[in-house]
Amino acid sequence: MIKGTYALDAKAVRALEEMARRWRVSKSEALRRAIHAAARGAGGGPDAVAALEELQRSLALGAEAAAAWSRRIRSERRAATARRKDRG
């Protein structure tokens, strides 16, 4: 490990503390994970968009099949919502 000193604004420190708490790790580990994710392009930048586009192309899903999938999912979601309302 190499120790370093960095200046962070209060908002960044709060975000770091929240990540560490949510992940149940030290702030140093949370910062390492964030840096590694950013280096891999996991921040939703152009690399993530390119990966999503490649995935969509690989599915070779035609317009009709995509519309059928969308209708099926919408129906499943409505049914799940109705079940939750019935239980509540």
PDB file of N, CA and C in Angstrom:
ATOM      1  N   MET A   1       0.836  -1.187   0.000  1.00  0.00           N
ATOM      2  CA  MET A   1       0.000   0.000   0.000  1.00  0.00           C
ATOM      3  C   MET A   1       0.877   1.245   0.000  1.00  0.00           C
ATOM      4  N   ILE A   2       0.402   2.237  -0.699  1.00  0.00           N
ATOM      5  CA  ILE A   2       1.053   3.539  -0.711  1.00  0.00           C
ATOM      6  C   ILE A   2       0.092   4.524  -0.069  1.00  0.00           C
ATOM      7  N   LYS A   3       0.521   5.179   0.974  1.00  0.00           N
ATOM      8  CA  LYS A   3      -0.324   6.156   1.645  1.00  0.00           C
ATOM      9  C   LYS A   3      -0.155   7.505   0.969  1.00  0.00           C
ATOM     10  N   GLY A   4      -1.262   8.226   0.856  1.00  0.00           N
ATOM     11  CA  GLY A   4      -1.228   9.552   0.253  1.00  0.00           C
ATOM     12  C   GLY A   4      -2.173  10.481   0.989  1.00  0.00           C
ATOM     13  N   THR A   5      -2.023  11.750   0.762  1.00  0.00           N
ATOM     14  CA  THR A   5      -2.886  12.750   1.376  1.00  0.00           C
ATOM     15  C   THR A   5      -3.574  13.518   0.252  1.00  0.00           C
ATOM     16  N   TYR A   6      -4.886  13.620   0.341  1.00  0.00           N
ATOM     17  CA  TYR A   6      -5.672  14.310  -0.680  1.00  0.00           C
ATOM     18  C   TYR A   6      -6.676  15.215   0.005  1.00  0.00           C
ATOM     19  N   ALA A   7      -7.001  16.309  -0.634  1.00  0.00           N
ATOM     20  CA  ALA A   7      -7.995  17.240  -0.103  1.00  0.00           C
ATOM     21  C   ALA A   7      -9.319  16.993  -0.810  1.00  0.00           C
ATOM     22  N   LEU A   8     -10.359  16.746  -0.038  1.00  0.00           N
ATOM     23  CA  LEU A   8     -11.699  16.526  -0.575  1.00  0.00           C
ATOM     24  C   LEU A   8     -12.646  17.560   0.001  1.00  0.00           C
ATOM     25  N   ASP A   9     -13.614  17.980  -0.797  1.00  0.00           N
ATOM     26  CA  ASP A   9     -14.608  18.906  -0.246  1.00  0.00           C
ATOM     27  C   ASP A   9     -15.584  18.120   0.622  1.00  0.00           C
ATOM     28  N   ALA A  10     -16.387  18.828   1.378  1.00  0.00           N
ATOM     29  CA  ALA A  10     -17.288  18.184   2.338  1.00  0.00           C
ATOM     30  C   ALA A  10     -18.273  17.250   1.644  1.00  0.00           C
ATOM     31  N   LYS A  11     -18.765  17.639   0.474  1.00  0.00           N
ATOM     32  CA  LYS A  11     -19.718  16.806  -0.252  1.00  0.00           C
ATOM     33  C   LYS A  11     -19.084  15.479  -0.664  1.00  0.00           C
ATOM     34  N   ALA A  12     -17.843  15.517  -1.125  1.00  0.00           N
ATOM     35  CA  ALA A  12     -17.145  14.293  -1.519  1.00  0.00           C
ATOM     36  C   ALA A  12     -16.903  13.395  -0.311  1.00  0.00           C
ATOM     37  N   VAL A  13     -16.568  13.983   0.814  1.00  0.00           N
ATOM     38  CA  VAL A  13     -16.336  13.200   2.032  1.00  0.00           C
ATOM     39  C   VAL A  13     -17.623  12.525   2.479  1.00  0.00           C
ATOM     40  N   ARG A  14     -18.741  13.253   2.428  1.00  0.00           N
ATOM     41  CA  ARG A  14     -20.026  12.650   2.810  1.00  0.00           C
ATOM     42  C   ARG A  14     -20.378  11.495   1.867  1.00  0.00           C
ATOM     43  N   ALA A  15     -20.135  11.692   0.581  1.00  0.00           N
ATOM     44  CA  ALA A  15     -20.416  10.630  -0.388  1.00  0.00           C
ATOM     45  C   ALA A  15     -19.535   9.418  -0.117  1.00  0.00           C
ATOM     46  N   LEU A  16     -18.272   9.650   0.175  1.00  0.00           N
ATOM     47  CA  LEU A  16     -17.343   8.563   0.479  1.00  0.00           C
ATOM     48  C   LEU A  16     -17.783   7.812   1.736  1.00  0.00           C
ATOM     49  N   GLU A  17     -18.166   8.552   2.755  1.00  0.00           N
ATOM     50  CA  GLU A  17     -18.623   7.921   3.997  1.00  0.00           C
ATOM     51  C   GLU A  17     -19.885   7.097   3.753  1.00  0.00           C
ATOM     52  N   GLU A  18     -20.788   7.608   2.917  1.00  0.00           N
ATOM     53  CA  GLU A  18     -22.018   6.885   2.599  1.00  0.00           C
ATOM     54  C   GLU A  18     -21.709   5.599   1.840  1.00  0.00           C
ATOM     55  N   MET A  19     -20.813   5.670   0.858  1.00  0.00           N
ATOM     56  CA  MET A  19     -20.429   4.461   0.115  1.00  0.00           C
ATOM     57  C   MET A  19     -19.825   3.432   1.055  1.00  0.00           C
ATOM     58  N   ALA A  20     -18.926   3.870   1.907  1.00  0.00           N
ATOM     59  CA  ALA A  20     -18.260   2.947   2.829  1.00  0.00           C
ATOM     60  C   ALA A  20     -19.277   2.294   3.767  1.00  0.00           C
ATOM     61  N   ARG A  21     -20.214   3.071   4.250  1.00  0.00           N
ATOM     62  CA  ARG A  21     -21.240   2.532   5.147  1.00  0.00           C
ATOM     63  C   ARG A  21     -22.122   1.534   4.405  1.00  0.00           C
ATOM     64  N   ARG A  22     -22.556   1.892   3.209  1.00  0.00           N
ATOM     65  CA  ARG A  22     -23.436   1.032   2.422  1.00  0.00           C
ATOM     66  C   ARG A  22     -22.746  -0.279   2.054  1.00  0.00           C
ATOM     67  N   TRP A  23     -21.467  -0.206   1.697  1.00  0.00           N
ATOM     68  CA  TRP A  23     -20.710  -1.397   1.309  1.00  0.00           C
ATOM     69  C   TRP A  23     -20.102  -2.127   2.500  1.00  0.00           C
ATOM     70  N   ARG A  24     -20.181  -1.504   3.682  1.00  0.00           N
ATOM     71  CA  ARG A  24     -19.626  -2.078   4.914  1.00  0.00           C
ATOM     72  C   ARG A  24     -18.120  -2.319   4.790  1.00  0.00           C
ATOM     73  N   VAL A  25     -17.435  -1.279   4.308  1.00  0.00           N
ATOM     74  CA  VAL A  25     -15.979  -1.323   4.171  1.00  0.00           C
ATOM     75  C   VAL A  25     -15.411  -0.012   4.703  1.00  0.00           C
ATOM     76  N   SER A  26     -14.092   0.047   4.787  1.00  0.00           N
ATOM     77  CA  SER A  26     -13.446   1.286   5.223  1.00  0.00           C
ATOM     78  C   SER A  26     -13.572   2.342   4.127  1.00  0.00           C
ATOM     79  N   LYS A  27     -13.361   3.589   4.510  1.00  0.00           N
ATOM     80  CA  LYS A  27     -13.385   4.660   3.510  1.00  0.00           C
ATOM     81  C   LYS A  27     -12.279   4.453   2.485  1.00  0.00           C
ATOM     82  N   SER A  28     -11.134   3.959   2.914  1.00  0.00           N
ATOM     83  CA  SER A  28     -10.036   3.698   1.978  1.00  0.00           C
ATOM     84  C   SER A  28     -10.449   2.662   0.943  1.00  0.00           C
ATOM     85  N   GLU A  29     -11.111   1.602   1.386  1.00  0.00           N
ATOM     86  CA  GLU A  29     -11.552   0.565   0.454  1.00  0.00           C
ATOM     87  C   GLU A  29     -12.619   1.109  -0.488  1.00  0.00           C
ATOM     88  N   ALA A  30     -13.543   1.901   0.033  1.00  0.00           N
ATOM     89  CA  ALA A  30     -14.576   2.493  -0.817  1.00  0.00           C
ATOM     90  C   ALA A  30     -13.943   3.388  -1.884  1.00  0.00           C
ATOM     91  N   LEU A  31     -12.946   4.153  -1.495  1.00  0.00           N
ATOM     92  CA  LEU A  31     -12.256   5.023  -2.446  1.00  0.00           C
ATOM     93  C   LEU A  31     -11.526   4.194  -3.498  1.00  0.00           C
ATOM     94  N   ARG A  32     -10.871   3.117  -3.075  1.00  0.00           N
ATOM     95  CA  ARG A  32     -10.188   2.233  -4.036  1.00  0.00           C
ATOM     96  C   ARG A  32     -11.188   1.663  -5.047  1.00  0.00           C
ATOM     97  N   ARG A  33     -12.332   1.189  -4.552  1.00  0.00           N
ATOM     98  CA  ARG A  33     -13.342   0.623  -5.447  1.00  0.00           C
ATOM     99  C   ARG A  33     -13.855   1.664  -6.435  1.00  0.00           C
ATOM    100  N   ALA A  34     -14.086   2.871  -5.952  1.00  0.00           N
ATOM    101  CA  ALA A  34     -14.578   3.935  -6.826  1.00  0.00           C
ATOM    102  C   ALA A  34     -13.554   4.282  -7.898  1.00  0.00           C
ATOM    103  N   ILE A  35     -12.300   4.341  -7.507  1.00  0.00           N
ATOM    104  CA  ILE A  35     -11.241   4.641  -8.472  1.00  0.00           C
ATOM    105  C   ILE A  35     -11.140   3.543  -9.518  1.00  0.00           C
ATOM    106  N   HIS A  36     -11.174   2.280  -9.080  1.00  0.00           N
ATOM    107  CA  HIS A  36     -11.090   1.167 -10.024  1.00  0.00           C
ATOM    108  C   HIS A  36     -12.292   1.152 -10.976  1.00  0.00           C
ATOM    109  N   ALA A  37     -13.480   1.418 -10.439  1.00  0.00           N
ATOM    110  CA  ALA A  37     -14.679   1.450 -11.275  1.00  0.00           C
ATOM    111  C   ALA A  37     -14.590   2.567 -12.305  1.00  0.00           C
ATOM    112  N   ALA A  38     -14.128   3.725 -11.888  1.00  0.00           N
ATOM    113  CA  ALA A  38     -13.988   4.847 -12.823  1.00  0.00           C
ATOM    114  C   ALA A  38     -12.946   4.528 -13.893  1.00  0.00           C
ATOM    115  N   ALA A  39     -11.882   3.860 -13.508  1.00  0.00           N
ATOM    116  CA  ALA A  39     -10.835   3.504 -14.464  1.00  0.00           C
ATOM    117  C   ALA A  39     -11.345   2.503 -15.495  1.00  0.00           C
ATOM    118  N   ARG A  40     -12.291   1.641 -15.076  1.00  0.00           N
ATOM    119  CA  ARG A  40     -12.880   0.661 -15.994  1.00  0.00           C
ATOM    120  C   ARG A  40     -13.991   1.270 -16.837  1.00  0.00           C
ATOM    121  N   GLY A  41     -14.379   2.495 -16.519  1.00  0.00           N
ATOM    122  CA  GLY A  41     -15.460   3.134 -17.257  1.00  0.00           C
ATOM    123  C   GLY A  41     -16.832   2.775 -16.741  1.00  0.00           C
ATOM    124  N   ALA A  42     -16.930   2.322 -15.498  1.00  0.00           N
ATOM    125  CA  ALA A  42     -18.207   1.910 -14.934  1.00  0.00           C
ATOM    126  C   ALA A  42     -19.064   3.084 -14.493  1.00  0.00           C
ATOM    127  N   GLY A  43     -18.611   4.277 -14.745  1.00  0.00           N
ATOM    128  CA  GLY A  43     -19.366   5.456 -14.328  1.00  0.00           C
ATOM    129  C   GLY A  43     -20.476   5.839 -15.277  1.00  0.00           C
ATOM    130  N   GLY A  44     -20.767   5.013 -16.280  1.00  0.00           N
ATOM    131  CA  GLY A  44     -21.844   5.315 -17.194  1.00  0.00           C
ATOM    132  C   GLY A  44     -21.400   6.183 -18.357  1.00  0.00           C
ATOM    133  N   GLY A  45     -20.124   6.284 -18.567  1.00  0.00           N
ATOM    134  CA  GLY A  45     -19.596   7.101 -19.652  1.00  0.00           C
ATOM    135  C   GLY A  45     -19.709   6.394 -20.991  1.00  0.00           C
ATOM    136  N   PRO A  46     -18.968   6.859 -21.966  1.00  0.00           N
ATOM    137  CA  PRO A  46     -19.052   6.301 -23.319  1.00  0.00           C
ATOM    138  C   PRO A  46     -18.804   4.789 -23.383  1.00  0.00           C
ATOM    139  N   ASP A  47     -17.914   4.267 -22.552  1.00  0.00           N
ATOM    140  CA  ASP A  47     -17.651   2.827 -22.573  1.00  0.00           C
ATOM    141  C   ASP A  47     -18.884   2.029 -22.166  1.00  0.00           C
ATOM    142  N   ALA A  48     -19.623   2.519 -21.182  1.00  0.00           N
ATOM    143  CA  ALA A  48     -20.824   1.820 -20.736  1.00  0.00           C
ATOM    144  C   ALA A  48     -21.892   1.861 -21.821  1.00  0.00           C
ATOM    145  N   VAL A  49     -22.018   2.984 -22.495  1.00  0.00           N
ATOM    146  CA  VAL A  49     -23.000   3.104 -23.574  1.00  0.00           C
ATOM    147  C   VAL A  49     -22.633   2.165 -24.720  1.00  0.00           C
ATOM    148  N   ALA A  50     -21.357   2.110 -25.063  1.00  0.00           N
ATOM    149  CA  ALA A  50     -20.899   1.221 -26.129  1.00  0.00           C
ATOM    150  C   ALA A  50     -21.180  -0.236 -25.767  1.00  0.00           C
ATOM    151  N   ALA A  51     -20.966  -0.600 -24.500  1.00  0.00           N
ATOM    152  CA  ALA A  51     -21.228  -1.974 -24.058  1.00  0.00           C
ATOM    153  C   ALA A  51     -22.714  -2.304 -24.173  1.00  0.00           C
ATOM    154  N   LEU A  52     -23.575  -1.365 -23.793  1.00  0.00           N
ATOM    155  CA  LEU A  52     -25.013  -1.583 -23.896  1.00  0.00           C
ATOM    156  C   LEU A  52     -25.425  -1.734 -25.357  1.00  0.00           C
ATOM    157  N   GLU A  53     -24.894  -0.885 -26.218  1.00  0.00           N
ATOM    158  CA  GLU A  53     -25.224  -0.985 -27.643  1.00  0.00           C
ATOM    159  C   GLU A  53     -24.776  -2.326 -28.227  1.00  0.00           C
ATOM    160  N   GLU A  54     -23.604  -2.779 -27.834  1.00  0.00           N
ATOM    161  CA  GLU A  54     -23.107  -4.076 -28.310  1.00  0.00           C
ATOM    162  C   GLU A  54     -24.006  -5.212 -27.833  1.00  0.00           C
ATOM    163  N   LEU A  55     -24.438  -5.153 -26.581  1.00  0.00           N
ATOM    164  CA  LEU A  55     -25.351  -6.159 -26.047  1.00  0.00           C
ATOM    165  C   LEU A  55     -26.650  -6.175 -26.834  1.00  0.00           C
ATOM    166  N   GLN A  56     -27.199  -4.995 -27.083  1.00  0.00           N
ATOM    167  CA  GLN A  56     -28.449  -4.923 -27.829  1.00  0.00           C
ATOM    168  C   GLN A  56     -28.293  -5.489 -29.242  1.00  0.00           C
ATOM    169  N   ARG A  57     -27.168  -5.184 -29.904  1.00  0.00           N
ATOM    170  CA  ARG A  57     -26.915  -5.730 -31.244  1.00  0.00           C
ATOM    171  C   ARG A  57     -26.801  -7.245 -31.199  1.00  0.00           C
ATOM    172  N   SER A  58     -26.158  -7.765 -30.154  1.00  0.00           N
ATOM    173  CA  SER A  58     -25.941  -9.210 -30.064  1.00  0.00           C
ATOM    174  C   SER A  58     -27.246  -9.979 -29.897  1.00  0.00           C
ATOM    175  N   LEU A  59     -28.289  -9.324 -29.381  1.00  0.00           N
ATOM    176  CA  LEU A  59     -29.575  -9.988 -29.199  1.00  0.00           C
ATOM    177  C   LEU A  59     -30.324 -10.164 -30.511  1.00  0.00           C
ATOM    178  N   ALA A  60     -30.003  -9.329 -31.497  1.00  0.00           N
ATOM    179  CA  ALA A  60     -30.651  -9.394 -32.813  1.00  0.00           C
ATOM    180  C   ALA A  60     -32.162  -9.481 -32.666  1.00  0.00           C
ATOM    181  N   LEU A  61     -32.713  -8.630 -31.856  1.00  0.00           N
ATOM    182  CA  LEU A  61     -34.135  -8.627 -31.560  1.00  0.00           C
ATOM    183  C   LEU A  61     -34.846  -7.698 -32.539  1.00  0.00           C
ATOM    184  N   GLY A  62     -35.727  -8.252 -33.363  1.00  0.00           N
ATOM    185  CA  GLY A  62     -36.470  -7.452 -34.333  1.00  0.00           C
ATOM    186  C   GLY A  62     -37.521  -6.595 -33.654  1.00  0.00           C
ATOM    187  N   ALA A  63     -38.074  -5.653 -34.392  1.00  0.00           N
ATOM    188  CA  ALA A  63     -39.052  -4.721 -33.837  1.00  0.00           C
ATOM    189  C   ALA A  63     -40.291  -5.438 -33.308  1.00  0.00           C
ATOM    190  N   GLU A  64     -40.774  -6.422 -34.040  1.00  0.00           N
ATOM    191  CA  GLU A  64     -41.972  -7.144 -33.609  1.00  0.00           C
ATOM    192  C   GLU A  64     -41.716  -7.938 -32.331  1.00  0.00           C
ATOM    193  N   ALA A  65     -40.572  -8.614 -32.266  1.00  0.00           N
ATOM    194  CA  ALA A  65     -40.227  -9.381 -31.062  1.00  0.00           C
ATOM    195  C   ALA A  65     -40.006  -8.452 -29.875  1.00  0.00           C
ATOM    196  N   ALA A  66     -39.399  -7.307 -30.114  1.00  0.00           N
ATOM    197  CA  ALA A  66     -39.173  -6.340 -29.033  1.00  0.00           C
ATOM    198  C   ALA A  66     -40.498  -5.805 -28.511  1.00  0.00           C
ATOM    199  N   ALA A  67     -41.442  -5.539 -29.404  1.00  0.00           N
ATOM    200  CA  ALA A  67     -42.759  -5.046 -28.989  1.00  0.00           C
ATOM    201  C   ALA A  67     -43.496  -6.113 -28.183  1.00  0.00           C
ATOM    202  N   ALA A  68     -43.400  -7.371 -28.600  1.00  0.00           N
ATOM    203  CA  ALA A  68     -44.045  -8.464 -27.859  1.00  0.00           C
ATOM    204  C   ALA A  68     -43.435  -8.603 -26.475  1.00  0.00           C
ATOM    205  N   TRP A  69     -42.112  -8.503 -26.401  1.00  0.00           N
ATOM    206  CA  TRP A  69     -41.430  -8.572 -25.100  1.00  0.00           C
ATOM    207  C   TRP A  69     -41.911  -7.444 -24.202  1.00  0.00           C
ATOM    208  N   SER A  70     -41.992  -6.240 -24.761  1.00  0.00           N
ATOM    209  CA  SER A  70     -42.424  -5.082 -23.993  1.00  0.00           C
ATOM    210  C   SER A  70     -43.846  -5.272 -23.464  1.00  0.00           C
ATOM    211  N   ARG A  71     -44.740  -5.777 -24.306  1.00  0.00           N
ATOM    212  CA  ARG A  71     -46.121  -6.025 -23.853  1.00  0.00           C
ATOM    213  C   ARG A  71     -46.158  -7.055 -22.735  1.00  0.00           C
ATOM    214  N   ARG A  72     -45.375  -8.140 -22.877  1.00  0.00           N
ATOM    215  CA  ARG A  72     -45.355  -9.191 -21.862  1.00  0.00           C
ATOM    216  C   ARG A  72     -44.842  -8.651 -20.525  1.00  0.00           C
ATOM    217  N   ILE A  73     -43.766  -7.895 -20.565  1.00  0.00           N
ATOM    218  CA  ILE A  73     -43.196  -7.344 -19.332  1.00  0.00           C
ATOM    219  C   ILE A  73     -44.163  -6.375 -18.676  1.00  0.00           C
ATOM    220  N   ARG A  74     -44.786  -5.520 -19.476  1.00  0.00           N
ATOM    221  CA  ARG A  74     -45.755  -4.554 -18.937  1.00  0.00           C
ATOM    222  C   ARG A  74     -46.895  -5.293 -18.238  1.00  0.00           C
ATOM    223  N   SER A  75     -47.367  -6.358 -18.860  1.00  0.00           N
ATOM    224  CA  SER A  75     -48.448  -7.157 -18.277  1.00  0.00           C
ATOM    225  C   SER A  75     -48.006  -7.794 -16.956  1.00  0.00           C
ATOM    226  N   GLU A  76     -46.790  -8.334 -16.933  1.00  0.00           N
ATOM    227  CA  GLU A  76     -46.271  -8.948 -15.703  1.00  0.00           C
ATOM    228  C   GLU A  76     -46.142  -7.915 -14.588  1.00  0.00           C
ATOM    229  N   ARG A  77     -45.697  -6.730 -14.927  1.00  0.00           N
ATOM    230  CA  ARG A  77     -45.546  -5.675 -13.911  1.00  0.00           C
ATOM    231  C   ARG A  77     -46.901  -5.250 -13.357  1.00  0.00           C
ATOM    232  N   ARG A  78     -47.890  -5.124 -14.242  1.00  0.00           N
ATOM    233  CA  ARG A  78     -49.240  -4.752 -13.783  1.00  0.00           C
ATOM    234  C   ARG A  78     -49.808  -5.823 -12.868  1.00  0.00           C
ATOM    235  N   ALA A  79     -49.589  -7.084 -13.210  1.00  0.00           N
ATOM    236  CA  ALA A  79     -50.081  -8.186 -12.382  1.00  0.00           C
ATOM    237  C   ALA A  79     -49.401  -8.179 -11.011  1.00  0.00           C
ATOM    238  N   ALA A  80     -48.101  -7.920 -10.996  1.00  0.00           N
ATOM    239  CA  ALA A  80     -47.379  -7.870  -9.720  1.00  0.00           C
ATOM    240  C   ALA A  80     -47.881  -6.726  -8.859  1.00  0.00           C
ATOM    241  N   THR A  81     -48.145  -5.577  -9.479  1.00  0.00           N
ATOM    242  CA  THR A  81     -48.669  -4.430  -8.741  1.00  0.00           C
ATOM    243  C   THR A  81     -50.037  -4.755  -8.161  1.00  0.00           C
ATOM    244  N   ALA A  82     -50.883  -5.404  -8.949  1.00  0.00           N
ATOM    245  CA  ALA A  82     -52.224  -5.766  -8.478  1.00  0.00           C
ATOM    246  C   ALA A  82     -52.131  -6.730  -7.290  1.00  0.00           C
ATOM    247  N   ARG A  83     -51.199  -7.701  -7.350  1.00  0.00           N
ATOM    248  CA  ARG A  83     -51.039  -8.634  -6.234  1.00  0.00           C
ATOM    249  C   ARG A  83     -50.613  -7.901  -4.962  1.00  0.00           C
ATOM    250  N   ARG A  84     -49.697  -6.942  -5.107  1.00  0.00           N
ATOM    251  CA  ARG A  84     -49.251  -6.181  -3.937  1.00  0.00           C
ATOM    252  C   ARG A  84     -50.398  -5.381  -3.337  1.00  0.00           C
ATOM    253  N   LYS A  85     -51.224  -4.795  -4.194  1.00  0.00           N
ATOM    254  CA  LYS A  85     -52.362  -4.012  -3.697  1.00  0.00           C
ATOM    255  C   LYS A  85     -53.376  -4.907  -2.993  1.00  0.00           C
ATOM    256  N   ASP A  86     -53.569  -6.126  -3.522  1.00  0.00           N
ATOM    257  CA  ASP A  86     -54.502  -7.069  -2.899  1.00  0.00           C
ATOM    258  C   ASP A  86     -54.031  -7.498  -1.510  1.00  0.00           C
ATOM    259  N   ARG A  87     -52.715  -7.619  -1.338  1.00  0.00           N
ATOM    260  CA  ARG A  87     -52.160  -8.031  -0.034  1.00  0.00           C
ATOM    261  C   ARG A  87     -52.208  -6.884   0.961  1.00  0.00           C
ATOM    262  N   GLY A  88     -52.126  -5.651   0.477  1.00  0.00           N
ATOM    263  CA  GLY A  88     -51.999  -4.479   1.349  1.00  0.00           C
ATOM    264  C   GLY A  88     -53.262  -4.083   1.931  1.00  0.00           C
TER     265      GLY A  88
END
